[in-house]
Every structure is written in C-alpha cells, then in structure tokens.
Amino acid sequence: MAINGLILSAIFQGGFSYQCLIMSGMVGGFGETQPATPEVQDICDEIKPTVEREAGENYAIFKAIKFKKQLVNGINYQIQVSTGGDNCIFLKVYKTFGGELSLSNYQTNKKLDDPFIF
C-alpha cells in the first residue's frame, strides 16, 4: 500500500510503526461507524453552507448522527446528517491536516434507517 510522504513523516516522528497503524485500522479503509461527536458536528456546521449551495436547499436542522473516518493525506469523513424528521443526507468531507474542509460528495433524499453506504 502506498502512503504519502507526509503521513510517513508523521508516523515516524510520532514513534509509531506503519504496521501498528494498519493493525489498528487507522490507515486504509473507513473505520467502524460511530455516534457523532462534537468535533464531527463542528465539521457539519462549517461545511453546511457549501452543502446548501450545492444541493440548492436550506436546512433548518443539520445534526450529525453518525460517522466513519479514513486516514489518508488528511482525513475523509462519511457523515450521516439529520435534516428533520426521519430525513437525512450523507456527506463525504475531506479535512486536511491543516484543518481545511472540502465537500467531496453528498447524497440527498436519504432516510435515517437507510444503509450508511457511499
């Protein structure tokens, strides 16, 4: 598996081995689905105007429900966001190591009980 030099640098400077990170699920595919955290809600709050512009919608409710993350050259987040009732949207957001966010993808017209798959 190829890894960007920035990640390798961070791994070796932090005293971790690449093998340990792979075994812990930190590098590679998306991790397990987890309940949303305040940090994930902050990501949703920051990316909300971009989502509204892209989707052509205004969301009065925009509450993170659950998420998965993937360590790449930054962090990819897949987030299920409630938009009221049993309606939700799925977001894929990329966060650089510097903290900048970008909306990678989104799916509208989802229900809270829909499979959380991108």
PDB file of N, CA and C in Angstrom:
ATOM      1  N   MET A   1       0.855  -1.173   0.000  1.00  0.00           N
ATOM      2  CA  MET A   1       0.000   0.000   0.000  1.00  0.00           C
ATOM      3  C   MET A   1       0.896   1.229   0.000  1.00  0.00           C
ATOM      4  N   ALA A   2       0.661   2.138  -0.910  1.00  0.00           N
ATOM      5  CA  ALA A   2       1.451   3.370  -0.976  1.00  0.00           C
ATOM      6  C   ALA A   2       0.929   4.365   0.045  1.00  0.00           C
ATOM      7  N   ILE A   3       1.844   5.057   0.653  1.00  0.00           N
ATOM      8  CA  ILE A   3       1.476   6.072   1.630  1.00  0.00           C
ATOM      9  C   ILE A   3       2.189   7.350   1.272  1.00  0.00           C
ATOM     10  N   ASN A   4       1.489   8.455   1.354  1.00  0.00           N
ATOM     11  CA  ASN A   4       2.071   9.759   1.088  1.00  0.00           C
ATOM     12  C   ASN A   4       3.195  10.034   2.073  1.00  0.00           C
ATOM     13  N   GLY A   5       4.247  10.723   1.610  1.00  0.00           N
ATOM     14  CA  GLY A   5       5.394  11.033   2.454  1.00  0.00           C
ATOM     15  C   GLY A   5       5.036  11.800   3.706  1.00  0.00           C
ATOM     16  N   LEU A   6       4.018  12.647   3.639  1.00  0.00           N
ATOM     17  CA  LEU A   6       3.612  13.415   4.813  1.00  0.00           C
ATOM     18  C   LEU A   6       3.120  12.482   5.913  1.00  0.00           C
ATOM     19  N   ILE A   7       2.350  11.484   5.543  1.00  0.00           N
ATOM     20  CA  ILE A   7       1.853  10.537   6.539  1.00  0.00           C
ATOM     21  C   ILE A   7       3.015   9.726   7.108  1.00  0.00           C
ATOM     22  N   LEU A   8       3.916   9.264   6.234  1.00  0.00           N
ATOM     23  CA  LEU A   8       5.075   8.519   6.724  1.00  0.00           C
ATOM     24  C   LEU A   8       5.878   9.348   7.707  1.00  0.00           C
ATOM     25  N   SER A   9       6.072  10.619   7.370  1.00  0.00           N
ATOM     26  CA  SER A   9       6.814  11.508   8.257  1.00  0.00           C
ATOM     27  C   SER A   9       6.123  11.615   9.609  1.00  0.00           C
ATOM     28  N   ALA A  10       4.817  11.806   9.586  1.00  0.00           N
ATOM     29  CA  ALA A  10       4.057  11.933  10.835  1.00  0.00           C
ATOM     30  C   ALA A  10       4.129  10.638  11.638  1.00  0.00           C
ATOM     31  N   ILE A  11       4.079   9.514  10.959  1.00  0.00           N
ATOM     32  CA  ILE A  11       4.130   8.228  11.646  1.00  0.00           C
ATOM     33  C   ILE A  11       5.480   8.043  12.333  1.00  0.00           C
ATOM     34  N   PHE A  12       6.552   8.271  11.598  1.00  0.00           N
ATOM     35  CA  PHE A  12       7.872   8.046  12.175  1.00  0.00           C
ATOM     36  C   PHE A  12       8.228   9.089  13.224  1.00  0.00           C
ATOM     37  N   GLN A  13       7.809  10.334  13.037  1.00  0.00           N
ATOM     38  CA  GLN A  13       8.089  11.354  14.035  1.00  0.00           C
ATOM     39  C   GLN A  13       7.318  11.081  15.317  1.00  0.00           C
ATOM     40  N   GLY A  14       6.152  10.487  15.178  1.00  0.00           N
ATOM     41  CA  GLY A  14       5.337  10.182  16.346  1.00  0.00           C
ATOM     42  C   GLY A  14       5.763   8.905  17.050  1.00  0.00           C
ATOM     43  N   GLY A  15       6.723   8.191  16.501  1.00  0.00           N
ATOM     44  CA  GLY A  15       7.203   6.978  17.144  1.00  0.00           C
ATOM     45  C   GLY A  15       6.320   5.764  16.904  1.00  0.00           C
ATOM     46  N   PHE A  16       5.394   5.849  15.962  1.00  0.00           N
ATOM     47  CA  PHE A  16       4.509   4.734  15.662  1.00  0.00           C
ATOM     48  C   PHE A  16       5.057   3.962  14.481  1.00  0.00           C
ATOM     49  N   SER A  17       4.723   2.710  14.399  1.00  0.00           N
ATOM     50  CA  SER A  17       5.091   1.944  13.212  1.00  0.00           C
ATOM     51  C   SER A  17       3.887   1.883  12.289  1.00  0.00           C
ATOM     52  N   TYR A  18       4.170   1.825  11.003  1.00  0.00           N
ATOM     53  CA  TYR A  18       3.119   1.721   9.999  1.00  0.00           C
ATOM     54  C   TYR A  18       2.279   0.476  10.252  1.00  0.00           C
ATOM     55  N   GLN A  19       2.926  -0.626  10.607  1.00  0.00           N
ATOM     56  CA  GLN A  19       2.203  -1.873  10.856  1.00  0.00           C
ATOM     57  C   GLN A  19       1.202  -1.702  11.995  1.00  0.00           C
ATOM     58  N   CYS A  20       1.594  -0.999  13.053  1.00  0.00           N
ATOM     59  CA  CYS A  20       0.677  -0.775  14.174  1.00  0.00           C
ATOM     60  C   CYS A  20      -0.533   0.027  13.733  1.00  0.00           C
ATOM     61  N   LEU A  21      -0.316   1.033  12.880  1.00  0.00           N
ATOM     62  CA  LEU A  21      -1.431   1.851  12.413  1.00  0.00           C
ATOM     63  C   LEU A  21      -2.380   1.042  11.542  1.00  0.00           C
ATOM     64  N   ILE A  22      -1.829   0.184  10.682  1.00  0.00           N
ATOM     65  CA  ILE A  22      -2.687  -0.655   9.850  1.00  0.00           C
ATOM     66  C   ILE A  22      -3.481  -1.622  10.725  1.00  0.00           C
ATOM     67  N   MET A  23      -2.825  -2.251  11.678  1.00  0.00           N
ATOM     68  CA  MET A  23      -3.496  -3.213  12.549  1.00  0.00           C
ATOM     69  C   MET A  23      -4.605  -2.552  13.358  1.00  0.00           C
ATOM     70  N   SER A  24      -4.434  -1.276  13.705  1.00  0.00           N
ATOM     71  CA  SER A  24      -5.450  -0.587  14.493  1.00  0.00           C
ATOM     72  C   SER A  24      -6.566  -0.031  13.625  1.00  0.00           C
ATOM     73  N   GLY A  25      -6.442  -0.145  12.290  1.00  0.00           N
ATOM     74  CA  GLY A  25      -7.475   0.352  11.399  1.00  0.00           C
ATOM     75  C   GLY A  25      -7.378   1.840  11.138  1.00  0.00           C
ATOM     76  N   MET A  26      -6.272   2.468  11.526  1.00  0.00           N
ATOM     77  CA  MET A  26      -6.152   3.908  11.350  1.00  0.00           C
ATOM     78  C   MET A  26      -5.779   4.292   9.926  1.00  0.00           C
ATOM     79  N   VAL A  27      -5.112   3.422   9.178  1.00  0.00           N
ATOM     80  CA  VAL A  27      -4.711   3.713   7.809  1.00  0.00           C
ATOM     81  C   VAL A  27      -5.433   2.733   6.909  1.00  0.00           C
ATOM     82  N   GLY A  28      -5.913   3.197   5.768  1.00  0.00           N
ATOM     83  CA  GLY A  28      -6.554   2.303   4.815  1.00  0.00           C
ATOM     84  C   GLY A  28      -8.011   2.644   4.628  1.00  0.00           C
ATOM     85  N   GLY A  29      -8.889   1.657   4.781  1.00  0.00           N
ATOM     86  CA  GLY A  29     -10.311   1.857   4.563  1.00  0.00           C
ATOM     87  C   GLY A  29     -10.969   2.634   5.689  1.00  0.00           C
ATOM     88  N   PHE A  30     -12.243   2.882   5.517  1.00  0.00           N
ATOM     89  CA  PHE A  30     -13.006   3.587   6.547  1.00  0.00           C
ATOM     90  C   PHE A  30     -13.153   2.705   7.778  1.00  0.00           C
ATOM     91  N   GLY A  31     -13.091   3.323   8.944  1.00  0.00           N
ATOM     92  CA  GLY A  31     -13.262   2.617  10.205  1.00  0.00           C
ATOM     93  C   GLY A  31     -14.724   2.307  10.465  1.00  0.00           C
ATOM     94  N   GLU A  32     -14.982   1.818  11.645  1.00  0.00           N
ATOM     95  CA  GLU A  32     -16.337   1.463  12.068  1.00  0.00           C
ATOM     96  C   GLU A  32     -17.213   2.708  12.203  1.00  0.00           C
ATOM     97  N   THR A  33     -18.510   2.533  11.994  1.00  0.00           N
ATOM     98  CA  THR A  33     -19.465   3.613  12.209  1.00  0.00           C
ATOM     99  C   THR A  33     -19.541   3.917  13.700  1.00  0.00           C
ATOM    100  N   GLN A  34     -19.511   5.208  14.029  1.00  0.00           N
ATOM    101  CA  GLN A  34     -19.535   5.661  15.420  1.00  0.00           C
ATOM    102  C   GLN A  34     -20.599   6.739  15.583  1.00  0.00           C
ATOM    103  N   PRO A  35     -21.114   6.919  16.791  1.00  0.00           N
ATOM    104  CA  PRO A  35     -22.016   8.051  17.036  1.00  0.00           C
ATOM    105  C   PRO A  35     -21.260   9.364  16.815  1.00  0.00           C
ATOM    106  N   ALA A  36     -21.962  10.359  16.319  1.00  0.00           N
ATOM    107  CA  ALA A  36     -21.337  11.660  16.057  1.00  0.00           C
ATOM    108  C   ALA A  36     -20.780  12.264  17.340  1.00  0.00           C
ATOM    109  N   THR A  37     -19.691  12.978  17.193  1.00  0.00           N
ATOM    110  CA  THR A  37     -19.025  13.663  18.302  1.00  0.00           C
ATOM    111  C   THR A  37     -19.167  15.172  18.108  1.00  0.00           C
ATOM    112  N   PRO A  38     -18.862  15.970  19.123  1.00  0.00           N
ATOM    113  CA  PRO A  38     -18.881  17.428  18.935  1.00  0.00           C
ATOM    114  C   PRO A  38     -17.959  17.879  17.796  1.00  0.00           C
ATOM    115  N   GLU A  39     -16.815  17.216  17.622  1.00  0.00           N
ATOM    116  CA  GLU A  39     -15.905  17.570  16.520  1.00  0.00           C
ATOM    117  C   GLU A  39     -16.577  17.349  15.167  1.00  0.00           C
ATOM    118  N   VAL A  40     -17.308  16.241  15.023  1.00  0.00           N
ATOM    119  CA  VAL A  40     -17.998  15.944  13.767  1.00  0.00           C
ATOM    120  C   VAL A  40     -19.119  16.954  13.538  1.00  0.00           C
ATOM    121  N   GLN A  41     -19.835  17.354  14.599  1.00  0.00           N
ATOM    122  CA  GLN A  41     -20.865  18.382  14.446  1.00  0.00           C
ATOM    123  C   GLN A  41     -20.239  19.701  14.002  1.00  0.00           C
ATOM    124  N   ASP A  42     -19.066  20.036  14.535  1.00  0.00           N
ATOM    125  CA  ASP A  42     -18.362  21.253  14.106  1.00  0.00           C
ATOM    126  C   ASP A  42     -18.035  21.204  12.617  1.00  0.00           C
ATOM    127  N   ILE A  43     -17.611  20.036  12.132  1.00  0.00           N
ATOM    128  CA  ILE A  43     -17.336  19.865  10.701  1.00  0.00           C
ATOM    129  C   ILE A  43     -18.607  20.117   9.901  1.00  0.00           C
ATOM    130  N   CYS A  44     -19.725  19.553  10.356  1.00  0.00           N
ATOM    131  CA  CYS A  44     -21.007  19.741   9.668  1.00  0.00           C
ATOM    132  C   CYS A  44     -21.425  21.206   9.666  1.00  0.00           C
ATOM    133  N   ASP A  45     -21.256  21.871  10.804  1.00  0.00           N
ATOM    134  CA  ASP A  45     -21.624  23.287  10.887  1.00  0.00           C
ATOM    135  C   ASP A  45     -20.809  24.120   9.905  1.00  0.00           C
ATOM    136  N   GLU A  46     -19.533  23.804   9.777  1.00  0.00           N
ATOM    137  CA  GLU A  46     -18.662  24.574   8.878  1.00  0.00           C
ATOM    138  C   GLU A  46     -18.950  24.290   7.404  1.00  0.00           C
ATOM    139  N   ILE A  47     -19.284  23.051   7.070  1.00  0.00           N
ATOM    140  CA  ILE A  47     -19.488  22.674   5.670  1.00  0.00           C
ATOM    141  C   ILE A  47     -20.936  22.906   5.216  1.00  0.00           C
ATOM    142  N   LYS A  48     -21.849  23.188   6.155  1.00  0.00           N
ATOM    143  CA  LYS A  48     -23.277  23.352   5.845  1.00  0.00           C
ATOM    144  C   LYS A  48     -23.546  24.357   4.724  1.00  0.00           C
ATOM    145  N   PRO A  49     -22.964  25.563   4.719  1.00  0.00           N
ATOM    146  CA  PRO A  49     -23.251  26.492   3.612  1.00  0.00           C
ATOM    147  C   PRO A  49     -22.873  25.927   2.240  1.00  0.00           C
ATOM    148  N   THR A  50     -21.798  25.177   2.176  1.00  0.00           N
ATOM    149  CA  THR A  50     -21.389  24.559   0.912  1.00  0.00           C
ATOM    150  C   THR A  50     -22.402  23.512   0.486  1.00  0.00           C
ATOM    151  N   VAL A  51     -22.857  22.697   1.429  1.00  0.00           N
ATOM    152  CA  VAL A  51     -23.861  21.665   1.128  1.00  0.00           C
ATOM    153  C   VAL A  51     -25.145  22.324   0.640  1.00  0.00           C
ATOM    154  N   GLU A  52     -25.597  23.363   1.336  1.00  0.00           N
ATOM    155  CA  GLU A  52     -26.832  24.049   0.942  1.00  0.00           C
ATOM    156  C   GLU A  52     -26.712  24.641  -0.461  1.00  0.00           C
ATOM    157  N   ARG A  53     -25.575  25.238  -0.759  1.00  0.00           N
ATOM    158  CA  ARG A  53     -25.368  25.822  -2.089  1.00  0.00           C
ATOM    159  C   ARG A  53     -25.373  24.729  -3.154  1.00  0.00           C
ATOM    160  N   GLU A  54     -24.647  23.651  -2.909  1.00  0.00           N
ATOM    161  CA  GLU A  54     -24.555  22.553  -3.884  1.00  0.00           C
ATOM    162  C   GLU A  54     -25.907  21.863  -4.092  1.00  0.00           C
ATOM    163  N   ALA A  55     -26.630  21.625  -3.002  1.00  0.00           N
ATOM    164  CA  ALA A  55     -27.902  20.892  -3.068  1.00  0.00           C
ATOM    165  C   ALA A  55     -29.083  21.789  -3.425  1.00  0.00           C
ATOM    166  N   GLY A  56     -28.893  23.116  -3.340  1.00  0.00           N
ATOM    167  CA  GLY A  56     -29.995  24.036  -3.612  1.00  0.00           C
ATOM    168  C   GLY A  56     -31.068  23.986  -2.543  1.00  0.00           C
ATOM    169  N   GLU A  57     -30.666  23.726  -1.313  1.00  0.00           N
ATOM    170  CA  GLU A  57     -31.592  23.604  -0.183  1.00  0.00           C
ATOM    171  C   GLU A  57     -31.127  24.479   0.966  1.00  0.00           C
ATOM    172  N   ASN A  58     -32.066  24.808   1.865  1.00  0.00           N
ATOM    173  CA  ASN A  58     -31.734  25.450   3.135  1.00  0.00           C
ATOM    174  C   ASN A  58     -32.215  24.522   4.240  1.00  0.00           C
ATOM    175  N   TYR A  59     -31.301  24.095   5.083  1.00  0.00           N
ATOM    176  CA  TYR A  59     -31.624  23.134   6.133  1.00  0.00           C
ATOM    177  C   TYR A  59     -31.721  23.838   7.481  1.00  0.00           C
ATOM    178  N   ALA A  60     -32.932  23.841   8.068  1.00  0.00           N
ATOM    179  CA  ALA A  60     -33.118  24.410   9.408  1.00  0.00           C
ATOM    180  C   ALA A  60     -32.472  23.498  10.449  1.00  0.00           C
ATOM    181  N   ILE A  61     -32.538  22.200  10.195  1.00  0.00           N
ATOM    182  CA  ILE A  61     -31.915  21.203  11.075  1.00  0.00           C
ATOM    183  C   ILE A  61     -30.767  20.573  10.297  1.00  0.00           C
ATOM    184  N   PHE A  62     -29.615  20.470  10.943  1.00  0.00           N
ATOM    185  CA  PHE A  62     -28.417  19.908  10.306  1.00  0.00           C
ATOM    186  C   PHE A  62     -27.579  19.280  11.411  1.00  0.00           C
ATOM    187  N   LYS A  63     -28.043  18.117  11.892  1.00  0.00           N
ATOM    188  CA  LYS A  63     -27.456  17.487  13.077  1.00  0.00           C
ATOM    189  C   LYS A  63     -26.741  16.189  12.708  1.00  0.00           C
ATOM    190  N   ALA A  64     -25.451  16.133  13.007  1.00  0.00           N
ATOM    191  CA  ALA A  64     -24.668  14.922  12.759  1.00  0.00           C
ATOM    192  C   ALA A  64     -25.198  13.785  13.630  1.00  0.00           C
ATOM    193  N   ILE A  65     -25.411  12.619  13.017  1.00  0.00           N
ATOM    194  CA  ILE A  65     -25.933  11.449  13.726  1.00  0.00           C
ATOM    195  C   ILE A  65     -24.834  10.410  13.943  1.00  0.00           C
ATOM    196  N   LYS A  66     -24.166  10.031  12.864  1.00  0.00           N
ATOM    197  CA  LYS A  66     -23.093   9.043  12.961  1.00  0.00           C
ATOM    198  C   LYS A  66     -22.074   9.315  11.864  1.00  0.00           C
ATOM    199  N   PHE A  67     -20.905   8.689  12.004  1.00  0.00           N
ATOM    200  CA  PHE A  67     -19.839   8.938  11.040  1.00  0.00           C
ATOM    201  C   PHE A  67     -18.854   7.778  10.987  1.00  0.00           C
ATOM    202  N   LYS A  68     -18.061   7.793   9.926  1.00  0.00           N
ATOM    203  CA  LYS A  68     -16.907   6.908   9.758  1.00  0.00           C
ATOM    204  C   LYS A  68     -15.767   7.811   9.309  1.00  0.00           C
ATOM    205  N   LYS A  69     -14.533   7.407   9.590  1.00  0.00           N
ATOM    206  CA  LYS A  69     -13.424   8.204   9.080  1.00  0.00           C
ATOM    207  C   LYS A  69     -12.325   7.310   8.542  1.00  0.00           C
ATOM    208  N   GLN A  70     -11.513   7.919   7.668  1.00  0.00           N
ATOM    209  CA  GLN A  70     -10.432   7.225   6.987  1.00  0.00           C
ATOM    210  C   GLN A  70      -9.219   8.142   6.972  1.00  0.00           C
ATOM    211  N   LEU A  71      -8.094   7.642   7.435  1.00  0.00           N
ATOM    212  CA  LEU A  71      -6.852   8.401   7.405  1.00  0.00           C
ATOM    213  C   LEU A  71      -6.214   8.253   6.039  1.00  0.00           C
ATOM    214  N   VAL A  72      -6.031   9.373   5.369  1.00  0.00           N
ATOM    215  CA  VAL A  72      -5.344   9.424   4.075  1.00  0.00           C
ATOM    216  C   VAL A  72      -4.300  10.527   4.230  1.00  0.00           C
ATOM    217  N   ASN A  73      -4.108  11.345   3.240  1.00  0.00           N
ATOM    218  CA  ASN A  73      -3.263  12.532   3.381  1.00  0.00           C
ATOM    219  C   ASN A  73      -4.152  13.627   3.962  1.00  0.00           C
ATOM    220  N   GLY A  74      -4.660  13.382   5.140  1.00  0.00           N
ATOM    221  CA  GLY A  74      -5.700  14.148   5.813  1.00  0.00           C
ATOM    222  C   GLY A  74      -6.688  13.117   6.333  1.00  0.00           C
ATOM    223  N   ILE A  75      -7.936  13.523   6.515  1.00  0.00           N
ATOM    224  CA  ILE A  75      -8.962  12.591   6.998  1.00  0.00           C
ATOM    225  C   ILE A  75     -10.214  12.736   6.142  1.00  0.00           C
ATOM    226  N   ASN A  76     -10.708  11.614   5.627  1.00  0.00           N
ATOM    227  CA  ASN A  76     -12.004  11.573   4.961  1.00  0.00           C
ATOM    228  C   ASN A  76     -13.049  11.203   6.003  1.00  0.00           C
ATOM    229  N   TYR A  77     -14.145  11.941   6.002  1.00  0.00           N
ATOM    230  CA  TYR A  77     -15.270  11.642   6.884  1.00  0.00           C
ATOM    231  C   TYR A  77     -16.479  11.305   6.032  1.00  0.00           C
ATOM    232  N   GLN A  78     -17.210  10.262   6.397  1.00  0.00           N
ATOM    233  CA  GLN A  78     -18.547   9.998   5.878  1.00  0.00           C
ATOM    234  C   GLN A  78     -19.478  10.262   7.047  1.00  0.00           C
ATOM    235  N   ILE A  79     -20.436  11.164   6.841  1.00  0.00           N
ATOM    236  CA  ILE A  79     -21.279  11.612   7.949  1.00  0.00           C
ATOM    237  C   ILE A  79     -22.745  11.517   7.553  1.00  0.00           C
ATOM    238  N   GLN A  80     -23.552  10.924   8.437  1.00  0.00           N
ATOM    239  CA  GLN A  80     -24.999  10.936   8.265  1.00  0.00           C
ATOM    240  C   GLN A  80     -25.517  12.137   9.050  1.00  0.00           C
ATOM    241  N   VAL A  81     -26.257  13.013   8.364  1.00  0.00           N
ATOM    242  CA  VAL A  81     -26.742  14.254   8.967  1.00  0.00           C
ATOM    243  C   VAL A  81     -28.261  14.289   8.908  1.00  0.00           C
ATOM    244  N   SER A  82     -28.901  14.431  10.063  1.00  0.00           N
ATOM    245  CA  SER A  82     -30.356  14.570  10.122  1.00  0.00           C
ATOM    246  C   SER A  82     -30.742  15.957   9.629  1.00  0.00           C
ATOM    247  N   THR A  83     -31.777  16.000   8.779  1.00  0.00           N
ATOM    248  CA  THR A  83     -32.298  17.283   8.303  1.00  0.00           C
ATOM    249  C   THR A  83     -33.745  17.481   8.753  1.00  0.00           C
ATOM    250  N   GLY A  84     -34.167  16.691   9.742  1.00  0.00           N
ATOM    251  CA  GLY A  84     -35.510  16.815  10.303  1.00  0.00           C
ATOM    252  C   GLY A  84     -36.343  15.578  10.058  1.00  0.00           C
ATOM    253  N   GLY A  85     -37.142  15.209  11.048  1.00  0.00           N
ATOM    254  CA  GLY A  85     -37.960  14.001  10.946  1.00  0.00           C
ATOM    255  C   GLY A  85     -37.064  12.799  10.747  1.00  0.00           C
ATOM    256  N   ASP A  86     -37.443  11.924   9.797  1.00  0.00           N
ATOM    257  CA  ASP A  86     -36.561  10.792   9.506  1.00  0.00           C
ATOM    258  C   ASP A  86     -35.737  11.036   8.240  1.00  0.00           C
ATOM    259  N   ASN A  87     -35.672  12.305   7.806  1.00  0.00           N
ATOM    260  CA  ASN A  87     -34.897  12.673   6.624  1.00  0.00           C
ATOM    261  C   ASN A  87     -33.445  12.959   6.988  1.00  0.00           C
ATOM    262  N   CYS A  88     -32.559  12.602   6.081  1.00  0.00           N
ATOM    263  CA  CYS A  88     -31.148  12.903   6.307  1.00  0.00           C
ATOM    264  C   CYS A  88     -30.422  12.989   4.973  1.00  0.00           C
ATOM    265  N   ILE A  89     -29.185  13.421   5.058  1.00  0.00           N
ATOM    266  CA  ILE A  89     -28.285  13.411   3.916  1.00  0.00           C
ATOM    267  C   ILE A  89     -26.993  12.732   4.357  1.00  0.00           C
ATOM    268  N   PHE A  90     -26.269  12.211   3.386  1.00  0.00           N
ATOM    269  CA  PHE A  90     -24.953  11.629   3.641  1.00  0.00           C
ATOM    270  C   PHE A  90     -23.917  12.578   3.064  1.00  0.00           C
ATOM    271  N   LEU A  91     -22.891  12.874   3.836  1.00  0.00           N
ATOM    272  CA  LEU A  91     -21.813  13.748   3.395  1.00  0.00           C
ATOM    273  C   LEU A  91     -20.506  12.982   3.358  1.00  0.00           C
ATOM    274  N   LYS A  92     -19.669  13.328   2.411  1.00  0.00           N
ATOM    275  CA  LYS A  92     -18.274  12.889   2.422  1.00  0.00           C
ATOM    276  C   LYS A  92     -17.449  14.168   2.430  1.00  0.00           C
ATOM    277  N   VAL A  93     -16.703  14.369   3.510  1.00  0.00           N
ATOM    278  CA  VAL A  93     -15.945  15.599   3.727  1.00  0.00           C
ATOM    279  C   VAL A  93     -14.482  15.240   3.927  1.00  0.00           C
ATOM    280  N   TYR A  94     -13.621  16.001   3.263  1.00  0.00           N
ATOM    281  CA  TYR A  94     -12.177  15.822   3.423  1.00  0.00           C
ATOM    282  C   TYR A  94     -11.642  16.942   4.302  1.00  0.00           C
ATOM    283  N   LYS A  95     -10.833  16.575   5.301  1.00  0.00           N
ATOM    284  CA  LYS A  95     -10.205  17.555   6.197  1.00  0.00           C
ATOM    285  C   LYS A  95      -8.695  17.401   6.090  1.00  0.00           C
ATOM    286  N   THR A  96      -8.022  18.484   5.693  1.00  0.00           N
ATOM    287  CA  THR A  96      -6.566  18.439   5.602  1.00  0.00           C
ATOM    288  C   THR A  96      -5.978  18.390   7.001  1.00  0.00           C
ATOM    289  N   PHE A  97      -4.695  18.033   7.092  1.00  0.00           N
ATOM    290  CA  PHE A  97      -4.027  18.058   8.386  1.00  0.00           C
ATOM    291  C   PHE A  97      -3.968  19.479   8.929  1.00  0.00           C
ATOM    292  N   GLY A  98      -4.084  20.483   8.049  1.00  0.00           N
ATOM    293  CA  GLY A  98      -4.118  21.883   8.468  1.00  0.00           C
ATOM    294  C   GLY A  98      -5.496  22.343   8.913  1.00  0.00           C
ATOM    295  N   GLY A  99      -6.517  21.485   8.774  1.00  0.00           N
ATOM    296  CA  GLY A  99      -7.857  21.806   9.249  1.00  0.00           C
ATOM    297  C   GLY A  99      -8.813  22.331   8.199  1.00  0.00           C
ATOM    298  N   GLU A 100      -8.374  22.482   6.941  1.00  0.00           N
ATOM    299  CA  GLU A 100      -9.271  22.962   5.887  1.00  0.00           C
ATOM    300  C   GLU A 100     -10.233  21.850   5.475  1.00  0.00           C
ATOM    301  N   LEU A 101     -11.497  22.231   5.244  1.00  0.00           N
ATOM    302  CA  LEU A 101     -12.530  21.270   4.864  1.00  0.00           C
ATOM    303  C   LEU A 101     -12.933  21.448   3.410  1.00  0.00           C
ATOM    304  N   SER A 102     -13.285  20.345   2.762  1.00  0.00           N
ATOM    305  CA  SER A 102     -13.891  20.414   1.437  1.00  0.00           C
ATOM    306  C   SER A 102     -14.930  19.302   1.326  1.00  0.00           C
ATOM    307  N   LEU A 103     -16.024  19.631   0.662  1.00  0.00           N
ATOM    308  CA  LEU A 103     -17.098  18.669   0.429  1.00  0.00           C
ATOM    309  C   LEU A 103     -16.713  17.821  -0.771  1.00  0.00           C
ATOM    310  N   SER A 104     -16.530  16.526  -0.565  1.00  0.00           N
ATOM    311  CA  SER A 104     -16.138  15.617  -1.639  1.00  0.00           C
ATOM    312  C   SER A 104     -17.347  15.058  -2.375  1.00  0.00           C
ATOM    313  N   ASN A 105     -18.430  14.811  -1.630  1.00  0.00           N
ATOM    314  CA  ASN A 105     -19.615  14.184  -2.208  1.00  0.00           C
ATOM    315  C   ASN A 105     -20.759  14.317  -1.215  1.00  0.00           C
ATOM    316  N   TYR A 106     -21.968  14.180  -1.703  1.00  0.00           N
ATOM    317  CA  TYR A 106     -23.134  14.167  -0.819  1.00  0.00           C
ATOM    318  C   TYR A 106     -24.264  13.414  -1.499  1.00  0.00           C
ATOM    319  N   GLN A 107     -25.166  12.871  -0.689  1.00  0.00           N
ATOM    320  CA  GLN A 107     -26.354  12.181  -1.188  1.00  0.00           C
ATOM    321  C   GLN A 107     -27.553  12.722  -0.428  1.00  0.00           C
ATOM    322  N   THR A 108     -28.541  13.211  -1.159  1.00  0.00           N
ATOM    323  CA  THR A 108     -29.753  13.743  -0.540  1.00  0.00           C
ATOM    324  C   THR A 108     -30.864  12.692  -0.605  1.00  0.00           C
ATOM    325  N   ASN A 109     -32.015  13.062  -0.062  1.00  0.00           N
ATOM    326  CA  ASN A 109     -33.206  12.198  -0.085  1.00  0.00           C
ATOM    327  C   ASN A 109     -32.957  10.845   0.572  1.00  0.00           C
ATOM    328  N   LYS A 110     -32.251  10.862   1.678  1.00  0.00           N
ATOM    329  CA  LYS A 110     -31.993   9.651   2.445  1.00  0.00           C
ATOM    330  C   LYS A 110     -32.891   9.632   3.675  1.00  0.00           C
ATOM    331  N   LYS A 111     -33.081   8.461   4.229  1.00  0.00           N
ATOM    332  CA  LYS A 111     -33.827   8.272   5.473  1.00  0.00           C
ATOM    333  C   LYS A 111     -32.861   7.779   6.544  1.00  0.00           C
ATOM    334  N   LEU A 112     -33.193   8.049   7.805  1.00  0.00           N
ATOM    335  CA  LEU A 112     -32.304   7.673   8.902  1.00  0.00           C
ATOM    336  C   LEU A 112     -32.002   6.180   8.940  1.00  0.00           C
ATOM    337  N   ASP A 113     -32.952   5.347   8.470  1.00  0.00           N
ATOM    338  CA  ASP A 113     -32.721   3.900   8.510  1.00  0.00           C
ATOM    339  C   ASP A 113     -32.132   3.346   7.209  1.00  0.00           C
ATOM    340  N   ASP A 114     -31.810   4.220   6.240  1.00  0.00           N
ATOM    341  CA  ASP A 114     -31.149   3.760   5.014  1.00  0.00           C
ATOM    342  C   ASP A 114     -29.756   3.233   5.353  1.00  0.00           C
ATOM    343  N   PRO A 115     -29.280   2.227   4.619  1.00  0.00           N
ATOM    344  CA  PRO A 115     -27.910   1.749   4.844  1.00  0.00           C
ATOM    345  C   PRO A 115     -26.919   2.906   4.664  1.00  0.00           C
ATOM    346  N   PHE A 116     -25.984   3.018   5.579  1.00  0.00           N
ATOM    347  CA  PHE A 116     -24.999   4.104   5.581  1.00  0.00           C
ATOM    348  C   PHE A 116     -23.826   3.716   4.683  1.00  0.00           C
ATOM    349  N   ILE A 117     -24.074   3.786   3.369  1.00  0.00           N
ATOM    350  CA  ILE A 117     -23.109   3.347   2.365  1.00  0.00           C
ATOM    351  C   ILE A 117     -22.946   4.449   1.330  1.00  0.00           C
ATOM    352  N   PHE A 118     -21.713   4.750   1.008  1.00  0.00           N
ATOM    353  CA  PHE A 118     -21.420   5.716  -0.059  1.00  0.00           C
ATOM    354  C   PHE A 118     -21.064   4.976  -1.300  1.00  0.00           C
TER     355      PHE A 118
END
